Protein backbone atom coordinates (compact mmCIF):
# COMPACT_ATOMS: atom_id res chain seq x y z
CA MET A 1 -0.01 0.01 0.13
CA ASP A 2 0.88 3.80 -0.34
CA PRO A 3 3.03 4.84 2.51
CA VAL A 4 1.49 8.35 2.76
CA LEU A 5 -1.90 6.64 2.94
CA ASP A 6 -1.17 4.15 5.67
CA PHE A 7 0.34 7.40 7.45
CA TYR A 8 -3.11 8.92 7.31
CA TYR A 9 -4.87 5.79 8.37
CA ALA A 10 -2.59 5.39 11.43
CA LEU A 11 -3.80 8.84 12.59
CA PRO A 12 -5.58 8.59 16.19
CA HIS A 13 -8.68 10.55 15.09
CA PRO A 14 -11.10 9.44 12.22
CA ALA A 15 -12.05 13.16 11.01
CA LEU A 16 -8.10 13.75 10.85
CA THR A 17 -7.64 10.72 8.64
CA GLN A 18 -10.61 11.77 6.30
CA LEU A 19 -9.29 15.22 6.05
CA GLY A 20 -5.61 13.95 5.40
CA CYS A 21 -6.93 11.36 2.58
CA GLN A 22 -9.01 14.43 1.10
CA LEU A 23 -5.98 16.65 1.24
CA HIS A 24 -3.44 13.81 -0.12
CA GLN A 25 -6.12 13.18 -3.04
CA PHE A 26 -6.50 17.06 -3.95
CA ILE A 27 -2.65 17.57 -4.16
CA LEU A 28 -2.07 14.34 -6.18
CA SER A 29 -4.61 15.36 -8.68
CA TYR A 30 -2.23 17.32 -10.13
CA PRO A 31 0.02 16.19 -13.21
CA GLN A 32 3.61 14.75 -12.11
CA THR A 33 3.00 15.25 -8.16
CA ARG A 34 4.54 12.64 -6.02
CA SER A 35 3.99 12.07 -2.42
CA CYS A 36 6.48 10.33 0.38
CA ILE A 37 7.24 10.13 3.81
CA ARG A 38 9.95 12.45 5.07
CA TYR A 39 10.74 13.15 8.72
CA GLY A 40 7.81 11.20 9.65
CA ILE A 41 5.15 13.08 7.83
CA PRO A 42 3.70 13.36 4.20
CA PHE A 43 5.83 15.49 1.61
CA TYR A 44 4.66 16.10 -1.75
CA ASP A 45 6.75 17.21 -4.52
CA ARG A 46 7.30 17.32 -8.54
CA LYS A 47 10.82 18.72 -9.60
CA LYS A 48 11.81 19.56 -6.00
CA TRP A 49 9.87 19.27 -2.40
CA VAL A 50 6.77 21.41 -2.78
CA CYS A 51 4.85 21.24 0.35
CA TYR A 52 3.95 19.01 3.32
CA LEU A 53 1.21 18.23 5.53
CA ASN A 54 1.98 18.51 9.39
CA PRO A 55 -0.88 17.06 11.61
CA ILE A 56 -1.76 19.36 14.33
CA LYS A 57 -3.12 17.00 17.43
CA ASP A 58 -6.98 16.72 16.57
CA LYS A 59 -7.20 20.21 14.89
CA GLY A 60 -6.33 19.45 11.55
CA PHE A 61 -3.51 19.88 9.20
CA GLU A 62 -0.94 22.98 8.83
CA TRP A 63 -0.22 22.96 5.07
CA VAL A 64 3.09 24.14 4.48
CA PHE A 65 4.98 25.61 1.33
CA LEU A 66 8.62 25.16 1.16
CA LYS A 67 9.00 28.25 -0.85
CA GLY A 68 6.47 29.84 0.74
CA ASN A 69 8.36 33.11 0.90
CA GLN A 70 8.68 33.58 -2.82
CA MET A 71 4.83 33.06 -3.23
CA ALA A 72 2.17 35.33 -4.27
CA ASP A 73 -0.36 35.09 -1.69
CA PRO A 74 -3.09 37.62 -2.68
CA ASP A 75 -5.51 36.40 -0.09
CA GLN A 76 -2.94 36.44 2.83
CA LEU A 77 -3.67 32.89 3.56
CA LEU A 78 -0.37 31.69 4.55
CA SER A 79 1.93 32.62 7.57
CA ALA A 80 5.30 32.48 8.45
CA ASN A 81 4.99 31.88 12.18
CA GLY A 82 8.58 33.36 12.57
CA ARG A 83 10.23 31.16 9.94
CA LYS A 84 12.14 32.43 7.16
CA MET A 85 11.59 30.54 4.12
CA VAL A 86 8.36 28.19 4.57
CA LYS A 87 4.53 29.29 5.14
CA GLY A 88 1.66 27.51 5.70
CA MET A 89 -2.07 27.69 6.51
CA LEU A 90 -4.18 25.39 9.10
CA LEU A 91 -6.64 23.24 7.40
CA THR A 92 -8.92 22.46 10.32
CA VAL A 93 -11.21 19.31 10.75
CA GLY A 94 -15.13 20.47 10.51
CA GLU A 95 -14.36 23.61 8.58
CA LYS A 96 -15.20 23.75 4.65
CA LEU A 97 -11.87 23.91 2.67
CA PRO A 98 -11.37 26.89 0.65
CA LEU A 99 -10.65 25.04 -2.43
CA VAL A 100 -10.56 27.70 -5.04
CA GLN A 101 -7.64 29.37 -2.81
CA MET A 102 -6.07 26.21 -2.35
CA ASP A 103 -5.77 25.49 -6.07
CA GLN A 104 -4.45 29.02 -6.55
CA LEU A 105 -1.68 28.30 -3.80
CA LEU A 106 -0.65 24.97 -5.07
CA GLN A 107 -0.47 26.45 -8.72
CA GLU A 108 1.75 29.27 -7.52
CA ALA A 109 3.93 26.88 -5.65
CA PHE A 110 4.36 24.65 -8.75
CA TYR A 111 5.22 27.59 -10.35
CA CYS A 112 8.15 28.60 -8.18
CA ASP A 113 9.09 24.91 -8.29
CA ASP A 114 9.37 25.07 -12.12
CA LEU A 115 11.59 28.05 -11.69
CA ALA A 116 13.83 26.46 -9.39
CA PRO A 117 16.96 24.89 -10.98
CA GLY A 118 17.19 20.85 -11.62
CA PRO A 119 19.33 18.90 -9.43
CA LYS A 120 23.07 20.20 -9.69
CA ALA A 121 25.13 17.83 -11.91
CA LYS A 122 27.82 16.22 -10.11
CA LYS A 123 31.53 17.14 -11.16
CA ARG A 124 33.48 14.68 -12.44
CA LYS A 125 37.09 13.98 -11.06
CA ILE A 126 39.55 13.64 -14.01
C-alpha cells in the first residue's frame, strides 16, 4: 500500500484521517505530483519538494509550502509563524476547505518549483 495513505490511516482521530486523505487526493490530482514520507510526515513534490502536511493534534493539518516566502499570496492565507522560508496555513477538521484558494496556492507553488534549477550535476574527477 501507499506509505502516505498508511500514515493517514494510522492517525488517532477518524476525522483527521478523512481530512488527510482528502488533502492527499487533492494534491495528487495535479500532474507529475508525487508523495512520500520524510521526517515522519507526508511531503509532496514534483521537480523539488513543494509542500508537506503536518498534523496538528486533533485540530487538522498545517499545509506548509517550502518556498512560501517566494509565493504570491493575494488572499494572505499563508503565515510564516517566525520562519524565514516556509509559510503555511491551518486546515481544520470540520471547516469547509477553501478549494479555490487552495488551488491558486498550489498552482503558485508549482510555478515556483518550475523556476527552480534542476538537480546539480556532480562534477567528474579527472
